[in-house]
Amino acid sequence: MDIKVDAKVTRDSLQALIDNGNEAKRIAIVGRALVHIWHRQTVSEKNSDSTTEANGVGFAGCDARTGSVSAKVYNNTGQMKDWVLEKWLKKNTKGFSRITKYHRQLNEIATADEVEFIRRIANKG
């Protein structure tokens, strides 16, 4: 079964979620995004809190340490330090928060999850 789904996460949609959310919602958005991106790191990158492979997957080198550590903390506690949230929500000159640079990977994750859900439902019938 070939399933095609539309984009779920765009840079604009992610920024709108952030802009329209209260602090708890913004923490959840950033925290969950960091965890999903961290899961895409290679095993050695996860272990070293760094990016060693230029494969376009996981964190960019400049974000690897903070992203990895923050993802682990959020995953274990559901909490995020103020300075970490500020780093990921800081907007660039075009008005987009730092976390939005990962919108393509987040869309791949969301799309894959939706396709898997549809397949499971289709196979139950």
N, C-alpha and C. Protein backbone atom coordinates (compact mmCIF):
# COMPACT_ATOMS: atom_id res chain seq x y z
N MET A 1 0.84 -1.17 0.00
CA MET A 1 0.00 0.00 0.00
C MET A 1 0.90 1.24 0.00
N ASP A 2 0.75 2.06 -1.03
CA ASP A 2 1.53 3.30 -1.14
C ASP A 2 0.70 4.45 -0.56
N ILE A 3 1.18 5.04 0.52
CA ILE A 3 0.45 6.09 1.21
C ILE A 3 1.23 7.38 1.11
N LYS A 4 0.56 8.44 0.70
CA LYS A 4 1.18 9.76 0.62
C LYS A 4 0.42 10.69 1.55
N VAL A 5 1.14 11.42 2.38
CA VAL A 5 0.51 12.39 3.26
C VAL A 5 1.14 13.76 3.03
N ASP A 6 0.38 14.79 3.27
CA ASP A 6 0.86 16.15 3.11
C ASP A 6 1.80 16.52 4.24
N ALA A 7 2.58 17.56 4.00
CA ALA A 7 3.49 18.06 5.04
C ALA A 7 2.71 18.43 6.28
N LYS A 8 3.20 18.03 7.40
CA LYS A 8 2.57 18.33 8.68
C LYS A 8 3.31 19.44 9.41
N VAL A 9 4.63 19.47 9.24
CA VAL A 9 5.45 20.46 9.94
C VAL A 9 6.20 21.28 8.90
N THR A 10 5.90 22.55 8.86
CA THR A 10 6.66 23.48 8.04
C THR A 10 7.32 24.49 8.98
N ARG A 11 8.24 25.24 8.44
CA ARG A 11 8.88 26.27 9.27
C ARG A 11 7.82 27.24 9.80
N ASP A 12 6.89 27.64 8.93
CA ASP A 12 5.85 28.58 9.34
C ASP A 12 4.90 27.98 10.38
N SER A 13 4.49 26.73 10.17
CA SER A 13 3.55 26.13 11.11
C SER A 13 4.18 25.90 12.48
N LEU A 14 5.45 25.52 12.47
CA LEU A 14 6.16 25.33 13.74
C LEU A 14 6.32 26.66 14.47
N GLN A 15 6.68 27.71 13.74
CA GLN A 15 6.82 29.03 14.36
C GLN A 15 5.49 29.52 14.90
N ALA A 16 4.39 29.27 14.18
CA ALA A 16 3.07 29.68 14.64
C ALA A 16 2.69 28.97 15.94
N LEU A 17 3.00 27.68 16.03
CA LEU A 17 2.73 26.94 17.28
C LEU A 17 3.49 27.56 18.44
N ILE A 18 4.75 27.88 18.19
CA ILE A 18 5.57 28.49 19.23
C ILE A 18 5.02 29.86 19.62
N ASP A 19 4.74 30.68 18.63
CA ASP A 19 4.28 32.05 18.89
C ASP A 19 2.93 32.08 19.61
N ASN A 20 2.08 31.11 19.36
CA ASN A 20 0.74 31.11 19.93
C ASN A 20 0.62 30.29 21.21
N GLY A 21 1.71 29.69 21.65
CA GLY A 21 1.64 28.86 22.85
C GLY A 21 2.09 29.61 24.09
N ASN A 22 1.59 29.15 25.23
CA ASN A 22 2.09 29.69 26.50
C ASN A 22 3.44 29.03 26.80
N GLU A 23 4.06 29.39 27.91
CA GLU A 23 5.40 28.88 28.20
C GLU A 23 5.42 27.36 28.31
N ALA A 24 4.43 26.76 28.95
CA ALA A 24 4.40 25.30 29.09
C ALA A 24 4.30 24.64 27.72
N LYS A 25 3.52 25.21 26.83
CA LYS A 25 3.37 24.67 25.48
C LYS A 25 4.68 24.80 24.70
N ARG A 26 5.35 25.94 24.84
CA ARG A 26 6.62 26.15 24.15
C ARG A 26 7.68 25.17 24.66
N ILE A 27 7.71 24.93 25.96
CA ILE A 27 8.65 23.95 26.52
C ILE A 27 8.37 22.57 25.93
N ALA A 28 7.10 22.20 25.85
CA ALA A 28 6.73 20.89 25.30
C ALA A 28 7.11 20.78 23.82
N ILE A 29 6.86 21.82 23.06
CA ILE A 29 7.20 21.81 21.63
C ILE A 29 8.70 21.64 21.44
N VAL A 30 9.47 22.49 22.10
CA VAL A 30 10.93 22.43 21.96
C VAL A 30 11.47 21.13 22.52
N GLY A 31 11.02 20.74 23.69
CA GLY A 31 11.51 19.51 24.31
C GLY A 31 11.25 18.28 23.47
N ARG A 32 10.03 18.14 22.98
CA ARG A 32 9.70 16.97 22.16
C ARG A 32 10.47 17.00 20.84
N ALA A 33 10.62 18.19 20.26
CA ALA A 33 11.39 18.30 19.01
C ALA A 33 12.84 17.87 19.24
N LEU A 34 13.45 18.35 20.33
CA LEU A 34 14.83 17.99 20.62
C LEU A 34 14.98 16.49 20.82
N VAL A 35 14.05 15.87 21.51
CA VAL A 35 14.11 14.42 21.74
C VAL A 35 14.02 13.67 20.41
N HIS A 36 13.10 14.08 19.55
CA HIS A 36 12.96 13.41 18.25
C HIS A 36 14.21 13.57 17.39
N ILE A 37 14.78 14.77 17.38
CA ILE A 37 16.00 15.01 16.61
C ILE A 37 17.16 14.19 17.20
N TRP A 38 17.26 14.18 18.54
CA TRP A 38 18.32 13.43 19.20
C TRP A 38 18.24 11.94 18.85
N HIS A 39 17.04 11.40 18.77
CA HIS A 39 16.88 9.99 18.41
C HIS A 39 17.42 9.67 17.02
N ARG A 40 17.55 10.69 16.18
CA ARG A 40 18.07 10.48 14.83
C ARG A 40 19.59 10.53 14.77
N GLN A 41 20.23 10.93 15.86
CA GLN A 41 21.70 10.93 15.90
C GLN A 41 22.19 9.48 15.85
N THR A 42 23.41 9.29 15.36
CA THR A 42 23.99 7.95 15.38
C THR A 42 24.30 7.57 16.83
N VAL A 43 24.54 6.30 17.06
CA VAL A 43 24.84 5.83 18.42
C VAL A 43 26.07 6.54 18.97
N SER A 44 27.12 6.65 18.16
CA SER A 44 28.34 7.30 18.66
C SER A 44 28.09 8.78 18.93
N GLU A 45 27.26 9.43 18.11
CA GLU A 45 26.94 10.84 18.35
C GLU A 45 26.13 11.01 19.64
N LYS A 46 25.20 10.10 19.88
CA LYS A 46 24.42 10.15 21.12
C LYS A 46 25.33 9.99 22.34
N ASN A 47 26.26 9.06 22.24
CA ASN A 47 27.16 8.80 23.36
C ASN A 47 28.12 9.95 23.64
N SER A 48 28.48 10.69 22.60
CA SER A 48 29.46 11.77 22.77
C SER A 48 28.83 13.15 22.81
N ASP A 49 27.50 13.23 22.68
CA ASP A 49 26.81 14.53 22.65
C ASP A 49 27.42 15.45 21.60
N SER A 50 27.71 14.89 20.44
CA SER A 50 28.31 15.67 19.36
C SER A 50 27.77 15.19 18.02
N THR A 51 28.14 15.89 16.97
CA THR A 51 27.83 15.46 15.62
C THR A 51 29.15 15.20 14.92
N THR A 52 29.34 13.97 14.47
CA THR A 52 30.59 13.60 13.82
C THR A 52 30.41 13.22 12.37
N GLU A 53 29.16 12.98 11.96
CA GLU A 53 28.89 12.60 10.58
C GLU A 53 28.06 13.68 9.90
N ALA A 54 28.52 14.11 8.74
CA ALA A 54 27.80 15.13 7.97
C ALA A 54 26.77 14.42 7.09
N ASN A 55 25.70 13.92 7.74
CA ASN A 55 24.69 13.13 7.03
C ASN A 55 23.34 13.84 6.93
N GLY A 56 23.26 15.07 7.42
CA GLY A 56 22.00 15.81 7.33
C GLY A 56 20.90 15.29 8.25
N VAL A 57 21.27 14.43 9.18
CA VAL A 57 20.30 13.83 10.08
C VAL A 57 20.73 14.11 11.51
N GLY A 58 19.78 14.46 12.35
CA GLY A 58 20.11 14.81 13.73
C GLY A 58 20.52 16.27 13.82
N PHE A 59 21.29 16.58 14.84
CA PHE A 59 21.68 17.97 15.09
C PHE A 59 22.83 18.42 14.20
N ALA A 60 22.81 19.69 13.84
CA ALA A 60 23.96 20.32 13.21
C ALA A 60 25.07 20.38 14.26
N GLY A 61 26.30 20.42 13.82
CA GLY A 61 27.43 20.42 14.74
C GLY A 61 27.34 21.51 15.80
N CYS A 62 26.90 22.70 15.40
CA CYS A 62 26.83 23.82 16.34
C CYS A 62 25.76 23.64 17.41
N ASP A 63 24.81 22.75 17.17
CA ASP A 63 23.71 22.51 18.13
C ASP A 63 23.82 21.18 18.86
N ALA A 64 24.78 20.37 18.48
CA ALA A 64 24.82 18.98 18.96
C ALA A 64 24.93 18.86 20.48
N ARG A 65 25.84 19.57 21.08
CA ARG A 65 26.05 19.41 22.54
C ARG A 65 24.82 19.87 23.32
N THR A 66 24.41 21.11 23.09
CA THR A 66 23.26 21.64 23.82
C THR A 66 22.00 20.85 23.48
N GLY A 67 21.81 20.52 22.21
CA GLY A 67 20.63 19.77 21.81
C GLY A 67 20.57 18.40 22.44
N SER A 68 21.69 17.70 22.43
CA SER A 68 21.73 16.34 22.99
C SER A 68 21.49 16.34 24.50
N VAL A 69 22.21 17.18 25.19
CA VAL A 69 22.06 17.24 26.65
C VAL A 69 20.65 17.68 27.03
N SER A 70 20.14 18.70 26.35
CA SER A 70 18.79 19.20 26.64
C SER A 70 17.73 18.15 26.33
N ALA A 71 17.92 17.41 25.26
CA ALA A 71 16.96 16.35 24.90
C ALA A 71 16.92 15.28 25.99
N LYS A 72 18.10 14.88 26.48
CA LYS A 72 18.16 13.86 27.53
C LYS A 72 17.50 14.35 28.82
N VAL A 73 17.79 15.59 29.19
CA VAL A 73 17.18 16.15 30.40
C VAL A 73 15.67 16.22 30.25
N TYR A 74 15.19 16.73 29.13
CA TYR A 74 13.74 16.84 28.92
C TYR A 74 13.11 15.45 28.90
N ASN A 75 13.74 14.51 28.24
CA ASN A 75 13.20 13.16 28.15
C ASN A 75 13.07 12.51 29.52
N ASN A 76 14.02 12.80 30.41
CA ASN A 76 14.01 12.19 31.75
C ASN A 76 13.16 12.95 32.76
N THR A 77 13.03 14.27 32.58
CA THR A 77 12.36 15.07 33.61
C THR A 77 11.14 15.86 33.13
N GLY A 78 11.03 16.06 31.82
CA GLY A 78 9.96 16.90 31.29
C GLY A 78 10.19 18.38 31.56
N GLN A 79 11.40 18.72 31.96
CA GLN A 79 11.72 20.12 32.30
C GLN A 79 12.82 20.65 31.40
N MET A 80 12.90 21.99 31.37
CA MET A 80 13.91 22.65 30.57
C MET A 80 14.33 23.93 31.26
N LYS A 81 15.62 24.16 31.33
CA LYS A 81 16.13 25.40 31.92
C LYS A 81 15.72 26.58 31.06
N ASP A 82 15.54 27.74 31.70
CA ASP A 82 15.13 28.94 30.97
C ASP A 82 16.11 29.29 29.86
N TRP A 83 17.41 29.21 30.12
CA TRP A 83 18.39 29.59 29.11
C TRP A 83 18.35 28.67 27.90
N VAL A 84 18.00 27.39 28.13
CA VAL A 84 17.92 26.44 27.03
C VAL A 84 16.72 26.79 26.14
N LEU A 85 15.59 27.05 26.78
CA LEU A 85 14.40 27.44 26.03
C LEU A 85 14.67 28.72 25.24
N GLU A 86 15.31 29.69 25.87
CA GLU A 86 15.63 30.95 25.19
C GLU A 86 16.53 30.72 23.98
N LYS A 87 17.50 29.82 24.11
CA LYS A 87 18.40 29.52 22.98
C LYS A 87 17.61 29.01 21.79
N TRP A 88 16.71 28.07 22.01
CA TRP A 88 15.98 27.45 20.91
C TRP A 88 14.87 28.33 20.37
N LEU A 89 14.40 29.29 21.17
CA LEU A 89 13.33 30.18 20.71
C LEU A 89 13.86 31.51 20.17
N LYS A 90 15.15 31.75 20.32
CA LYS A 90 15.72 33.01 19.80
C LYS A 90 15.51 33.08 18.29
N LYS A 91 14.98 34.21 17.84
CA LYS A 91 14.65 34.36 16.43
C LYS A 91 15.82 34.92 15.64
N ASN A 92 15.92 34.48 14.39
CA ASN A 92 16.93 34.99 13.49
C ASN A 92 16.40 36.26 12.81
N THR A 93 17.15 36.80 11.88
CA THR A 93 16.75 38.05 11.23
C THR A 93 15.48 37.90 10.39
N LYS A 94 15.13 36.67 10.03
CA LYS A 94 13.90 36.43 9.26
C LYS A 94 12.70 36.17 10.16
N GLY A 95 12.92 36.17 11.48
CA GLY A 95 11.83 36.00 12.42
C GLY A 95 11.51 34.56 12.79
N PHE A 96 12.43 33.64 12.50
CA PHE A 96 12.20 32.23 12.83
C PHE A 96 13.09 31.81 14.00
N SER A 97 12.50 31.05 14.93
CA SER A 97 13.23 30.52 16.08
C SER A 97 14.25 29.48 15.62
N ARG A 98 15.31 29.33 16.39
CA ARG A 98 16.39 28.39 16.07
C ARG A 98 15.87 26.97 15.84
N ILE A 99 14.93 26.51 16.64
CA ILE A 99 14.43 25.15 16.52
C ILE A 99 13.78 24.91 15.16
N THR A 100 13.29 25.96 14.51
CA THR A 100 12.59 25.77 13.22
C THR A 100 13.53 25.34 12.11
N LYS A 101 14.84 25.46 12.31
CA LYS A 101 15.75 25.00 11.25
C LYS A 101 15.67 23.48 11.08
N TYR A 102 15.07 22.81 12.04
CA TYR A 102 14.91 21.35 11.97
C TYR A 102 13.52 20.94 11.49
N HIS A 103 12.78 21.86 10.90
CA HIS A 103 11.40 21.56 10.50
C HIS A 103 11.31 20.41 9.49
N ARG A 104 12.27 20.29 8.60
CA ARG A 104 12.21 19.20 7.61
C ARG A 104 12.32 17.83 8.29
N GLN A 105 13.25 17.70 9.21
CA GLN A 105 13.38 16.43 9.93
C GLN A 105 12.14 16.15 10.76
N LEU A 106 11.61 17.17 11.40
CA LEU A 106 10.40 16.99 12.22
C LEU A 106 9.22 16.61 11.33
N ASN A 107 9.17 17.16 10.13
CA ASN A 107 8.11 16.77 9.20
C ASN A 107 8.28 15.32 8.76
N GLU A 108 9.51 14.89 8.50
CA GLU A 108 9.75 13.49 8.15
C GLU A 108 9.27 12.56 9.26
N ILE A 109 9.53 12.93 10.48
CA ILE A 109 9.11 12.12 11.63
C ILE A 109 7.60 12.08 11.73
N ALA A 110 6.96 13.25 11.63
CA ALA A 110 5.50 13.33 11.73
C ALA A 110 4.83 12.56 10.60
N THR A 111 5.35 12.70 9.40
CA THR A 111 4.79 12.02 8.24
C THR A 111 4.94 10.52 8.37
N ALA A 112 6.11 10.05 8.79
CA ALA A 112 6.34 8.62 8.97
C ALA A 112 5.40 8.05 10.03
N ASP A 113 5.18 8.80 11.11
CA ASP A 113 4.27 8.35 12.17
C ASP A 113 2.84 8.23 11.63
N GLU A 114 2.42 9.20 10.81
CA GLU A 114 1.06 9.15 10.26
C GLU A 114 0.90 7.99 9.29
N VAL A 115 1.89 7.76 8.44
CA VAL A 115 1.82 6.65 7.50
C VAL A 115 1.74 5.32 8.25
N GLU A 116 2.54 5.16 9.30
CA GLU A 116 2.51 3.94 10.10
C GLU A 116 1.14 3.75 10.76
N PHE A 117 0.56 4.83 11.26
CA PHE A 117 -0.77 4.77 11.88
C PHE A 117 -1.81 4.33 10.86
N ILE A 118 -1.76 4.90 9.66
CA ILE A 118 -2.72 4.53 8.61
C ILE A 118 -2.55 3.07 8.23
N ARG A 119 -1.32 2.61 8.12
CA ARG A 119 -1.07 1.20 7.78
C ARG A 119 -1.64 0.26 8.85
N ARG A 120 -1.44 0.63 10.12
CA ARG A 120 -1.97 -0.22 11.19
C ARG A 120 -3.48 -0.31 11.14
N ILE A 121 -4.13 0.83 10.89
CA ILE A 121 -5.59 0.83 10.79
C ILE A 121 -6.04 0.01 9.60
N ALA A 122 -5.38 0.17 8.47
CA ALA A 122 -5.76 -0.55 7.25
C ALA A 122 -5.59 -2.05 7.43
N ASN A 123 -4.58 -2.47 8.18
CA ASN A 123 -4.34 -3.90 8.38
C ASN A 123 -5.29 -4.54 9.38
N LYS A 124 -5.97 -3.73 10.18
CA LYS A 124 -6.94 -4.27 11.15
C LYS A 124 -8.24 -4.67 10.48
N GLY A 125 -8.54 -4.04 9.36
CA GLY A 125 -9.81 -4.27 8.65
C GLY A 125 -9.81 -5.51 7.89
